[in-house]
Amino acid sequence: MPTLQIRNLPEDLYQALVFRAQRAHRSLAQQTIADLREVAGRCGSARRTQVLDSIRASIEAEGTRTPGAAPETLLRDDRDR
């Protein structure tokens, strides 16, 4: 498993990490991993939303399918491709 070492961590960040770790009954390493996962999840979620918005826009611009169309219409459109 990869490791990460952080040098010259600002004191205020260290104290905030210690506080959150104690409050959650975690070690510093566990809390750091939890915080990194949370931040990565937020960034990933924003990217997924951006990609989905782009897909929706291209589908609407295409005009062949509309959201909420009847399933049989979607099947016919797909067969005709």
PDB file of N, CA and C in Angstrom:
ATOM      1  N   MET A   1       0.853  -1.169   0.000  1.00  0.00           N
ATOM      2  CA  MET A   1       0.000   0.000   0.000  1.00  0.00           C
ATOM      3  C   MET A   1       0.904   1.239   0.000  1.00  0.00           C
ATOM      4  N   PRO A   2       0.587   2.228  -0.829  1.00  0.00           N
ATOM      5  CA  PRO A   2       1.395   3.445  -0.881  1.00  0.00           C
ATOM      6  C   PRO A   2       1.340   4.222   0.430  1.00  0.00           C
ATOM      7  N   THR A   3       2.379   4.990   0.674  1.00  0.00           N
ATOM      8  CA  THR A   3       2.425   5.844   1.858  1.00  0.00           C
ATOM      9  C   THR A   3       2.620   7.288   1.424  1.00  0.00           C
ATOM     10  N   LEU A   4       2.330   8.195   2.334  1.00  0.00           N
ATOM     11  CA  LEU A   4       2.464   9.626   2.065  1.00  0.00           C
ATOM     12  C   LEU A   4       3.072  10.279   3.295  1.00  0.00           C
ATOM     13  N   GLN A   5       4.107  11.062   3.084  1.00  0.00           N
ATOM     14  CA  GLN A   5       4.725  11.799   4.181  1.00  0.00           C
ATOM     15  C   GLN A   5       4.619  13.281   3.853  1.00  0.00           C
ATOM     16  N   ILE A   6       4.143  14.060   4.796  1.00  0.00           N
ATOM     17  CA  ILE A   6       3.985  15.497   4.583  1.00  0.00           C
ATOM     18  C   ILE A   6       4.949  16.227   5.500  1.00  0.00           C
ATOM     19  N   ARG A   7       5.797  17.038   4.915  1.00  0.00           N
ATOM     20  CA  ARG A   7       6.758  17.821   5.691  1.00  0.00           C
ATOM     21  C   ARG A   7       6.284  19.264   5.755  1.00  0.00           C
ATOM     22  N   ASN A   8       6.676  19.943   6.806  1.00  0.00           N
ATOM     23  CA  ASN A   8       6.370  21.366   6.991  1.00  0.00           C
ATOM     24  C   ASN A   8       4.867  21.636   6.968  1.00  0.00           C
ATOM     25  N   LEU A   9       4.115  20.768   7.592  1.00  0.00           N
ATOM     26  CA  LEU A   9       2.665  20.954   7.694  1.00  0.00           C
ATOM     27  C   LEU A   9       2.393  22.161   8.589  1.00  0.00           C
ATOM     28  N   PRO A  10       1.621  23.105   8.118  1.00  0.00           N
ATOM     29  CA  PRO A  10       1.319  24.271   8.966  1.00  0.00           C
ATOM     30  C   PRO A  10       0.658  23.841  10.280  1.00  0.00           C
ATOM     31  N   GLU A  11       1.034  24.519  11.341  1.00  0.00           N
ATOM     32  CA  GLU A  11       0.559  24.171  12.675  1.00  0.00           C
ATOM     33  C   GLU A  11      -0.960  24.199  12.782  1.00  0.00           C
ATOM     34  N   ASP A  12      -1.600  25.187  12.155  1.00  0.00           N
ATOM     35  CA  ASP A  12      -3.061  25.278  12.248  1.00  0.00           C
ATOM     36  C   ASP A  12      -3.743  24.084  11.578  1.00  0.00           C
ATOM     37  N   LEU A  13      -3.194  23.611  10.456  1.00  0.00           N
ATOM     38  CA  LEU A  13      -3.765  22.423   9.810  1.00  0.00           C
ATOM     39  C   LEU A  13      -3.563  21.182  10.668  1.00  0.00           C
ATOM     40  N   TYR A  14      -2.381  21.086  11.267  1.00  0.00           N
ATOM     41  CA  TYR A  14      -2.099  19.944  12.129  1.00  0.00           C
ATOM     42  C   TYR A  14      -3.059  19.916  13.322  1.00  0.00           C
ATOM     43  N   GLN A  15      -3.254  21.060  13.954  1.00  0.00           N
ATOM     44  CA  GLN A  15      -4.147  21.117  15.110  1.00  0.00           C
ATOM     45  C   GLN A  15      -5.590  20.794  14.714  1.00  0.00           C
ATOM     46  N   ALA A  16      -6.020  21.266  13.544  1.00  0.00           N
ATOM     47  CA  ALA A  16      -7.376  20.954  13.077  1.00  0.00           C
ATOM     48  C   ALA A  16      -7.522  19.456  12.823  1.00  0.00           C
ATOM     49  N   LEU A  17      -6.488  18.859  12.261  1.00  0.00           N
ATOM     50  CA  LEU A  17      -6.513  17.412  12.008  1.00  0.00           C
ATOM     51  C   LEU A  17      -6.549  16.638  13.322  1.00  0.00           C
ATOM     52  N   VAL A  18      -5.759  17.048  14.286  1.00  0.00           N
ATOM     53  CA  VAL A  18      -5.750  16.403  15.599  1.00  0.00           C
ATOM     54  C   VAL A  18      -7.130  16.506  16.246  1.00  0.00           C
ATOM     55  N   PHE A  19      -7.723  17.685  16.184  1.00  0.00           N
ATOM     56  CA  PHE A  19      -9.046  17.896  16.774  1.00  0.00           C
ATOM     57  C   PHE A  19     -10.091  16.971  16.130  1.00  0.00           C
ATOM     58  N   ARG A  20     -10.116  16.933  14.788  1.00  0.00           N
ATOM     59  CA  ARG A  20     -11.100  16.075  14.102  1.00  0.00           C
ATOM     60  C   ARG A  20     -10.851  14.599  14.386  1.00  0.00           C
ATOM     61  N   ALA A  21      -9.578  14.208  14.479  1.00  0.00           N
ATOM     62  CA  ALA A  21      -9.241  12.813  14.779  1.00  0.00           C
ATOM     63  C   ALA A  21      -9.718  12.425  16.175  1.00  0.00           C
ATOM     64  N   GLN A  22      -9.487  13.291  17.144  1.00  0.00           N
ATOM     65  CA  GLN A  22      -9.927  12.998  18.508  1.00  0.00           C
ATOM     66  C   GLN A  22     -11.445  12.940  18.586  1.00  0.00           C
ATOM     67  N   ARG A  23     -12.095  13.860  17.931  1.00  0.00           N
ATOM     68  CA  ARG A  23     -13.560  13.901  17.966  1.00  0.00           C
ATOM     69  C   ARG A  23     -14.173  12.649  17.329  1.00  0.00           C
ATOM     70  N   ALA A  24     -13.514  12.125  16.287  1.00  0.00           N
ATOM     71  CA  ALA A  24     -14.022  10.938  15.587  1.00  0.00           C
ATOM     72  C   ALA A  24     -13.440   9.636  16.137  1.00  0.00           C
ATOM     73  N   HIS A  25     -12.606   9.737  17.189  1.00  0.00           N
ATOM     74  CA  HIS A  25     -11.952   8.553  17.780  1.00  0.00           C
ATOM     75  C   HIS A  25     -11.153   7.794  16.731  1.00  0.00           C
ATOM     76  N   ARG A  26     -10.329   8.554  15.982  1.00  0.00           N
ATOM     77  CA  ARG A  26      -9.469   7.972  14.954  1.00  0.00           C
ATOM     78  C   ARG A  26      -8.028   8.383  15.214  1.00  0.00           C
ATOM     79  N   SER A  27      -7.116   7.644  14.591  1.00  0.00           N
ATOM     80  CA  SER A  27      -5.715   8.058  14.613  1.00  0.00           C
ATOM     81  C   SER A  27      -5.541   9.189  13.599  1.00  0.00           C
ATOM     82  N   LEU A  28      -4.397   9.856  13.659  1.00  0.00           N
ATOM     83  CA  LEU A  28      -4.130  10.916  12.680  1.00  0.00           C
ATOM     84  C   LEU A  28      -4.125  10.360  11.259  1.00  0.00           C
ATOM     85  N   ALA A  29      -3.540   9.190  11.085  1.00  0.00           N
ATOM     86  CA  ALA A  29      -3.492   8.581   9.757  1.00  0.00           C
ATOM     87  C   ALA A  29      -4.902   8.254   9.260  1.00  0.00           C
ATOM     88  N   GLN A  30      -5.720   7.668  10.125  1.00  0.00           N
ATOM     89  CA  GLN A  30      -7.095   7.339   9.733  1.00  0.00           C
ATOM     90  C   GLN A  30      -7.887   8.595   9.381  1.00  0.00           C
ATOM     91  N   GLN A  31      -7.711   9.649  10.166  1.00  0.00           N
ATOM     92  CA  GLN A  31      -8.437  10.888   9.906  1.00  0.00           C
ATOM     93  C   GLN A  31      -7.978  11.526   8.595  1.00  0.00           C
ATOM     94  N   THR A  32      -6.672  11.476   8.345  1.00  0.00           N
ATOM     95  CA  THR A  32      -6.144  12.033   7.100  1.00  0.00           C
ATOM     96  C   THR A  32      -6.730  11.308   5.902  1.00  0.00           C
ATOM     97  N   ILE A  33      -6.795   9.986   5.969  1.00  0.00           N
ATOM     98  CA  ILE A  33      -7.376   9.196   4.881  1.00  0.00           C
ATOM     99  C   ILE A  33      -8.851   9.542   4.710  1.00  0.00           C
ATOM    100  N   ALA A  34      -9.584   9.663   5.804  1.00  0.00           N
ATOM    101  CA  ALA A  34     -11.007  10.010   5.729  1.00  0.00           C
ATOM    102  C   ALA A  34     -11.199  11.379   5.082  1.00  0.00           C
ATOM    103  N   ASP A  35     -10.362  12.346   5.466  1.00  0.00           N
ATOM    104  CA  ASP A  35     -10.463  13.691   4.885  1.00  0.00           C
ATOM    105  C   ASP A  35     -10.122  13.689   3.401  1.00  0.00           C
ATOM    106  N   LEU A  36      -9.076  12.969   3.037  1.00  0.00           N
ATOM    107  CA  LEU A  36      -8.699  12.901   1.620  1.00  0.00           C
ATOM    108  C   LEU A  36      -9.787  12.229   0.780  1.00  0.00           C
ATOM    109  N   ARG A  37     -10.389  11.167   1.323  1.00  0.00           N
ATOM    110  CA  ARG A  37     -11.481  10.509   0.593  1.00  0.00           C
ATOM    111  C   ARG A  37     -12.665  11.442   0.400  1.00  0.00           C
ATOM    112  N   GLU A  38     -12.978  12.210   1.421  1.00  0.00           N
ATOM    113  CA  GLU A  38     -14.098  13.147   1.338  1.00  0.00           C
ATOM    114  C   GLU A  38     -13.842  14.201   0.259  1.00  0.00           C
ATOM    115  N   VAL A  39     -12.647  14.759   0.260  1.00  0.00           N
ATOM    116  CA  VAL A  39     -12.302  15.783  -0.731  1.00  0.00           C
ATOM    117  C   VAL A  39     -12.295  15.187  -2.136  1.00  0.00           C
ATOM    118  N   ALA A  40     -11.714  14.009  -2.278  1.00  0.00           N
ATOM    119  CA  ALA A  40     -11.679  13.361  -3.588  1.00  0.00           C
ATOM    120  C   ALA A  40     -13.087  13.042  -4.075  1.00  0.00           C
ATOM    121  N   GLY A  41     -13.958  12.649  -3.179  1.00  0.00           N
ATOM    122  CA  GLY A  41     -15.342  12.352  -3.546  1.00  0.00           C
ATOM    123  C   GLY A  41     -16.074  13.580  -4.033  1.00  0.00           C
ATOM    124  N   ARG A  42     -15.821  14.713  -3.397  1.00  0.00           N
ATOM    125  CA  ARG A  42     -16.470  15.957  -3.822  1.00  0.00           C
ATOM    126  C   ARG A  42     -15.990  16.366  -5.203  1.00  0.00           C
ATOM    127  N   CYS A  43     -14.701  16.242  -5.442  1.00  0.00           N
ATOM    128  CA  CYS A  43     -14.165  16.615  -6.753  1.00  0.00           C
ATOM    129  C   CYS A  43     -14.678  15.668  -7.826  1.00  0.00           C
ATOM    130  N   GLY A  44     -14.704  14.384  -7.504  1.00  0.00           N
ATOM    131  CA  GLY A  44     -15.214  13.402  -8.461  1.00  0.00           C
ATOM    132  C   GLY A  44     -16.678  13.620  -8.757  1.00  0.00           C
ATOM    133  N   SER A  45     -17.449  13.957  -7.745  1.00  0.00           N
ATOM    134  CA  SER A  45     -18.874  14.197  -7.919  1.00  0.00           C
ATOM    135  C   SER A  45     -19.114  15.389  -8.828  1.00  0.00           C
ATOM    136  N   ALA A  46     -18.341  16.442  -8.653  1.00  0.00           N
ATOM    137  CA  ALA A  46     -18.485  17.627  -9.501  1.00  0.00           C
ATOM    138  C   ALA A  46     -18.141  17.280 -10.944  1.00  0.00           C
ATOM    139  N   ARG A  47     -17.118  16.477 -11.130  1.00  0.00           N
ATOM    140  CA  ARG A  47     -16.721  16.072 -12.492  1.00  0.00           C
ATOM    141  C   ARG A  47     -17.797  15.215 -13.134  1.00  0.00           C
ATOM    142  N   ARG A  48     -18.384  14.268 -12.359  1.00  0.00           N
ATOM    143  CA  ARG A  48     -19.456  13.429 -12.900  1.00  0.00           C
ATOM    144  C   ARG A  48     -20.649  14.276 -13.312  1.00  0.00           C
ATOM    145  N   THR A  49     -20.986  15.256 -12.501  1.00  0.00           N
ATOM    146  CA  THR A  49     -22.099  16.138 -12.819  1.00  0.00           C
ATOM    147  C   THR A  49     -21.806  16.901 -14.107  1.00  0.00           C
ATOM    148  N   GLN A  50     -20.590  17.359 -14.252  1.00  0.00           N
ATOM    149  CA  GLN A  50     -20.198  18.095 -15.451  1.00  0.00           C
ATOM    150  C   GLN A  50     -20.303  17.200 -16.697  1.00  0.00           C
ATOM    151  N   VAL A  51     -19.847  15.964 -16.594  1.00  0.00           N
ATOM    152  CA  VAL A  51     -19.916  15.033 -17.724  1.00  0.00           C
ATOM    153  C   VAL A  51     -21.373  14.732 -18.074  1.00  0.00           C
ATOM    154  N   LEU A  52     -22.199  14.480 -17.051  1.00  0.00           N
ATOM    155  CA  LEU A  52     -23.610  14.201 -17.321  1.00  0.00           C
ATOM    156  C   LEU A  52     -24.311  15.389 -17.962  1.00  0.00           C
ATOM    157  N   ASP A  53     -24.007  16.594 -17.515  1.00  0.00           N
ATOM    158  CA  ASP A  53     -24.587  17.785 -18.132  1.00  0.00           C
ATOM    159  C   ASP A  53     -24.177  17.900 -19.591  1.00  0.00           C
ATOM    160  N   SER A  54     -22.931  17.570 -19.873  1.00  0.00           N
ATOM    161  CA  SER A  54     -22.438  17.603 -21.249  1.00  0.00           C
ATOM    162  C   SER A  54     -23.164  16.575 -22.118  1.00  0.00           C
ATOM    163  N   ILE A  55     -23.380  15.387 -21.573  1.00  0.00           N
ATOM    164  CA  ILE A  55     -24.094  14.341 -22.317  1.00  0.00           C
ATOM    165  C   ILE A  55     -25.532  14.761 -22.580  1.00  0.00           C
ATOM    166  N   ARG A  56     -26.187  15.310 -21.559  1.00  0.00           N
ATOM    167  CA  ARG A  56     -27.565  15.779 -21.734  1.00  0.00           C
ATOM    168  C   ARG A  56     -27.651  16.850 -22.814  1.00  0.00           C
ATOM    169  N   ALA A  57     -26.707  17.778 -22.792  1.00  0.00           N
ATOM    170  CA  ALA A  57     -26.704  18.858 -23.785  1.00  0.00           C
ATOM    171  C   ALA A  57     -26.522  18.307 -25.190  1.00  0.00           C
ATOM    172  N   SER A  58     -25.648  17.324 -25.351  1.00  0.00           N
ATOM    173  CA  SER A  58     -25.434  16.766 -26.692  1.00  0.00           C
ATOM    174  C   SER A  58     -26.650  15.978 -27.169  1.00  0.00           C
ATOM    175  N   ILE A  59     -27.331  15.294 -26.256  1.00  0.00           N
ATOM    176  CA  ILE A  59     -28.547  14.561 -26.625  1.00  0.00           C
ATOM    177  C   ILE A  59     -29.635  15.535 -27.041  1.00  0.00           C
ATOM    178  N   GLU A  60     -29.790  16.613 -26.281  1.00  0.00           N
ATOM    179  CA  GLU A  60     -30.807  17.605 -26.630  1.00  0.00           C
ATOM    180  C   GLU A  60     -30.489  18.291 -27.952  1.00  0.00           C
ATOM    181  N   ALA A  61     -29.211  18.553 -28.205  1.00  0.00           N
ATOM    182  CA  ALA A  61     -28.809  19.186 -29.458  1.00  0.00           C
ATOM    183  C   ALA A  61     -29.024  18.247 -30.635  1.00  0.00           C
ATOM    184  N   GLU A  62     -28.855  16.966 -30.386  1.00  0.00           N
ATOM    185  CA  GLU A  62     -29.047  15.951 -31.426  1.00  0.00           C
ATOM    186  C   GLU A  62     -30.507  15.915 -31.857  1.00  0.00           C
ATOM    187  N   GLY A  63     -31.404  16.033 -30.901  1.00  0.00           N
ATOM    188  CA  GLY A  63     -32.823  16.081 -31.194  1.00  0.00           C
ATOM    189  C   GLY A  63     -33.474  14.755 -31.549  1.00  0.00           C
ATOM    190  N   THR A  64     -32.733  13.666 -31.539  1.00  0.00           N
ATOM    191  CA  THR A  64     -33.337  12.387 -31.908  1.00  0.00           C
ATOM    192  C   THR A  64     -34.093  11.752 -30.760  1.00  0.00           C
ATOM    193  N   ARG A  65     -33.656  12.045 -29.555  1.00  0.00           N
ATOM    194  CA  ARG A  65     -34.328  11.484 -28.385  1.00  0.00           C
ATOM    195  C   ARG A  65     -34.594  12.593 -27.398  1.00  0.00           C
ATOM    196  N   THR A  66     -35.702  12.498 -26.743  1.00  0.00           N
ATOM    197  CA  THR A  66     -36.011  13.475 -25.716  1.00  0.00           C
ATOM    198  C   THR A  66     -36.121  12.760 -24.385  1.00  0.00           C
ATOM    199  N   PRO A  67     -35.637  13.387 -23.310  1.00  0.00           N
ATOM    200  CA  PRO A  67     -35.778  12.756 -21.995  1.00  0.00           C
ATOM    201  C   PRO A  67     -37.247  12.508 -21.687  1.00  0.00           C
ATOM    202  N   GLY A  68     -37.536  11.358 -21.145  1.00  0.00           N
ATOM    203  CA  GLY A  68     -38.906  11.026 -20.798  1.00  0.00           C
ATOM    204  C   GLY A  68     -39.693  10.436 -21.958  1.00  0.00           C
ATOM    205  N   ALA A  69     -39.021  10.144 -23.073  1.00  0.00           N
ATOM    206  CA  ALA A  69     -39.712   9.559 -24.221  1.00  0.00           C
ATOM    207  C   ALA A  69     -40.186   8.147 -23.866  1.00  0.00           C
ATOM    208  N   ALA A  70     -41.221   7.716 -24.553  1.00  0.00           N
ATOM    209  CA  ALA A  70     -41.764   6.376 -24.317  1.00  0.00           C
ATOM    210  C   ALA A  70     -40.711   5.329 -24.679  1.00  0.00           C
ATOM    211  N   PRO A  71     -40.655   4.223 -23.938  1.00  0.00           N
ATOM    212  CA  PRO A  71     -39.651   3.187 -24.208  1.00  0.00           C
ATOM    213  C   PRO A  71     -39.705   2.645 -25.637  1.00  0.00           C
ATOM    214  N   GLU A  72     -40.919   2.490 -26.171  1.00  0.00           N
ATOM    215  CA  GLU A  72     -41.009   1.956 -27.532  1.00  0.00           C
ATOM    216  C   GLU A  72     -40.424   2.928 -28.564  1.00  0.00           C
ATOM    217  N   THR A  73     -40.542   4.209 -28.296  1.00  0.00           N
ATOM    218  CA  THR A  73     -39.955   5.205 -29.190  1.00  0.00           C
ATOM    219  C   THR A  73     -38.432   5.120 -29.135  1.00  0.00           C
ATOM    220  N   LEU A  74     -37.901   4.962 -27.952  1.00  0.00           N
ATOM    221  CA  LEU A  74     -36.456   4.820 -27.806  1.00  0.00           C
ATOM    222  C   LEU A  74     -35.950   3.566 -28.510  1.00  0.00           C
ATOM    223  N   LEU A  75     -36.696   2.465 -28.403  1.00  0.00           N
ATOM    224  CA  LEU A  75     -36.298   1.231 -29.090  1.00  0.00           C
ATOM    225  C   LEU A  75     -36.315   1.410 -30.597  1.00  0.00           C
ATOM    226  N   ARG A  76     -37.365   2.046 -31.109  1.00  0.00           N
ATOM    227  CA  ARG A  76     -37.429   2.283 -32.561  1.00  0.00           C
ATOM    228  C   ARG A  76     -36.265   3.149 -33.028  1.00  0.00           C
ATOM    229  N   ASP A  77     -35.991   4.218 -32.288  1.00  0.00           N
ATOM    230  CA  ASP A  77     -34.876   5.093 -32.630  1.00  0.00           C
ATOM    231  C   ASP A  77     -33.566   4.319 -32.630  1.00  0.00           C
ATOM    232  N   ASP A  78     -33.403   3.440 -31.651  1.00  0.00           N
ATOM    233  CA  ASP A  78     -32.175   2.675 -31.564  1.00  0.00           C
ATOM    234  C   ASP A  78     -32.050   1.700 -32.731  1.00  0.00           C
ATOM    235  N   ARG A  79     -33.130   1.074 -33.126  1.00  0.00           N
ATOM    236  CA  ARG A  79     -33.108   0.143 -34.272  1.00  0.00           C
ATOM    237  C   ARG A  79     -32.755   0.863 -35.564  1.00  0.00           C
ATOM    238  N   ASP A  80     -33.219   2.113 -35.677  1.00  0.00           N
ATOM    239  CA  ASP A  80     -33.004   2.867 -36.909  1.00  0.00           C
ATOM    240  C   ASP A  80     -31.590   3.437 -37.030  1.00  0.00           C
ATOM    241  N   ARG A  81     -30.821   3.366 -35.970  1.00  0.00           N
ATOM    242  CA  ARG A  81     -29.459   3.937 -36.040  1.00  0.00           C
ATOM    243  C   ARG A  81     -28.583   3.201 -36.968  1.00  0.00           C
TER     244      ARG A  81
END
